[in-house]
Amino acid sequence: MYCSGFTTHVAPENHMNITTERDFIVNKSELIEAIAQEADLSKASAAKALDGMISAVTNALKGGDTVTLVGFGTFYVGERAARAGRNPKTGEPLEIKAAKTPKFRAGKALKDAL
């Protein structure tokens, strides 16, 4: 996958101890480029494929379904319970409503790859 960069950090107490960390976020256009390269597609076709996948997963979750991509992971709808909160400006207590939220659980192959 195409990724945008690396950052080298030097520990101040020991300048000989150099570590390299990945310091980037892959955005949608970079992901489209990576899909195009991996699948030998044009960027336009890769963009359509990614948009189609996002739309299909979103619609499935809206319908209450679970989407499992074997080896990658599972998208599902989680429930967040109602809870007490506070208005940050006034400090006044308020009730935060229960909500449905999208969740992702990584599959074994994805976990092993990391």
Protein backbone atom coordinates (compact mmCIF):
# COMPACT_ATOMS: atom_id res chain seq x y z
CA MET A 1 0.00 0.00 0.00
CA TYR A 2 1.22 3.50 -0.76
CA CYS A 3 1.95 5.48 2.40
CA SER A 4 3.06 9.06 2.67
CA GLY A 5 6.04 9.19 5.03
CA PHE A 6 8.20 8.32 8.00
CA THR A 7 9.56 10.36 10.89
CA THR A 8 12.84 9.63 12.67
CA HIS A 9 12.99 10.40 16.39
CA VAL A 10 16.21 10.72 18.39
CA ALA A 11 16.03 10.04 22.12
CA PRO A 12 17.45 13.12 23.91
CA GLU A 13 19.30 11.12 26.60
CA ASN A 14 21.07 8.88 24.12
CA HIS A 15 21.65 10.20 20.61
CA MET A 16 22.75 6.74 19.46
CA ASN A 17 19.28 5.31 20.15
CA ILE A 18 17.40 6.14 16.93
CA THR A 19 13.90 4.79 16.36
CA THR A 20 11.80 5.10 13.26
CA GLU A 21 8.05 5.52 13.64
CA ARG A 22 5.38 5.59 10.98
CA ASP A 23 3.81 9.01 11.32
CA PHE A 24 1.04 9.28 8.73
CA ILE A 25 -2.61 8.78 7.96
CA VAL A 26 -3.72 7.27 4.66
CA ASN A 27 -6.46 9.46 3.18
CA LYS A 28 -9.11 8.46 0.64
CA SER A 29 -7.15 9.55 -2.45
CA GLU A 30 -4.06 7.62 -1.27
CA LEU A 31 -6.22 4.57 -0.61
CA ILE A 32 -7.71 4.84 -4.11
CA GLU A 33 -4.20 5.03 -5.57
CA ALA A 34 -3.17 1.93 -3.58
CA ILE A 35 -6.26 0.00 -4.72
CA ALA A 36 -5.59 1.00 -8.34
CA GLN A 37 -2.00 -0.27 -8.11
CA GLU A 38 -2.83 -3.50 -6.22
CA ALA A 39 -5.76 -4.46 -8.49
CA ASP A 40 -4.30 -3.09 -11.74
CA LEU A 41 -7.24 -0.69 -12.19
CA SER A 42 -7.54 2.90 -13.29
CA LYS A 43 -7.91 5.41 -10.45
CA ALA A 44 -11.47 6.11 -11.63
CA SER A 45 -12.38 2.40 -11.42
CA ALA A 46 -10.70 2.09 -8.03
CA ALA A 47 -12.63 5.14 -6.78
CA LYS A 48 -15.92 3.60 -7.98
CA ALA A 49 -15.05 0.31 -6.29
CA LEU A 50 -14.18 2.00 -2.98
CA ASP A 51 -17.29 4.20 -3.09
CA GLY A 52 -19.40 1.13 -3.87
CA MET A 53 -17.91 -0.79 -0.95
CA ILE A 54 -18.49 2.12 1.45
CA SER A 55 -22.07 2.51 0.22
CA ALA A 56 -22.81 -1.23 0.49
CA VAL A 57 -21.42 -1.46 4.04
CA THR A 58 -23.28 1.70 5.10
CA ASN A 59 -26.59 0.45 3.68
CA ALA A 60 -26.15 -2.97 5.30
CA LEU A 61 -25.47 -1.36 8.69
CA LYS A 62 -28.48 0.96 8.28
CA GLY A 63 -30.58 -2.16 7.77
CA GLY A 64 -29.22 -3.67 10.99
CA ASP A 65 -27.05 -6.22 9.20
CA THR A 66 -23.49 -7.27 10.00
CA VAL A 67 -20.86 -7.27 7.23
CA THR A 68 -18.07 -9.84 7.54
CA LEU A 69 -15.07 -9.84 5.22
CA VAL A 70 -13.34 -13.11 6.09
CA GLY A 71 -9.70 -12.50 6.98
CA PHE A 72 -10.21 -8.74 7.26
CA GLY A 73 -12.88 -8.06 9.85
CA THR A 74 -16.50 -7.43 10.73
CA PHE A 75 -18.50 -4.22 10.57
CA TYR A 76 -21.51 -4.14 12.91
CA VAL A 77 -23.85 -1.76 14.72
CA GLY A 78 -23.19 -1.20 18.41
CA GLU A 79 -25.48 0.36 20.99
CA ARG A 80 -24.33 3.22 23.18
CA ALA A 81 -26.49 3.56 26.30
CA ALA A 82 -28.04 6.83 27.43
CA ARG A 83 -25.93 8.61 30.01
CA ALA A 84 -25.70 11.76 32.08
CA GLY A 85 -23.51 14.57 30.79
CA ARG A 86 -22.83 18.26 31.33
CA ASN A 87 -23.07 21.31 29.11
CA PRO A 88 -19.40 22.36 28.78
CA LYS A 89 -20.27 26.08 28.76
CA THR A 90 -22.70 26.23 31.67
CA GLY A 91 -21.90 23.05 33.59
CA GLU A 92 -25.63 22.30 33.63
CA PRO A 93 -26.44 18.56 33.78
CA LEU A 94 -28.12 17.06 30.71
CA GLU A 95 -29.19 13.67 29.38
CA ILE A 96 -27.24 12.26 26.42
CA LYS A 97 -29.55 10.00 24.40
CA ALA A 98 -28.80 6.39 23.55
CA ALA A 99 -27.31 5.99 20.07
CA LYS A 100 -26.41 3.39 17.50
CA THR A 101 -22.79 3.54 16.42
CA PRO A 102 -20.77 1.74 13.74
CA LYS A 103 -18.15 -0.68 15.06
CA PHE A 104 -15.36 -2.72 13.50
CA ARG A 105 -13.75 -5.88 14.85
CA ALA A 106 -10.51 -6.89 13.12
CA GLY A 107 -10.24 -10.45 11.81
CA LYS A 108 -7.43 -12.86 12.65
CA ALA A 109 -5.53 -12.36 9.37
CA LEU A 110 -5.56 -8.57 9.82
CA LYS A 111 -4.42 -8.87 13.44
CA ASP A 112 -1.65 -11.28 12.43
CA ALA A 113 -0.50 -8.92 9.66
CA LEU A 114 0.09 -6.18 12.23
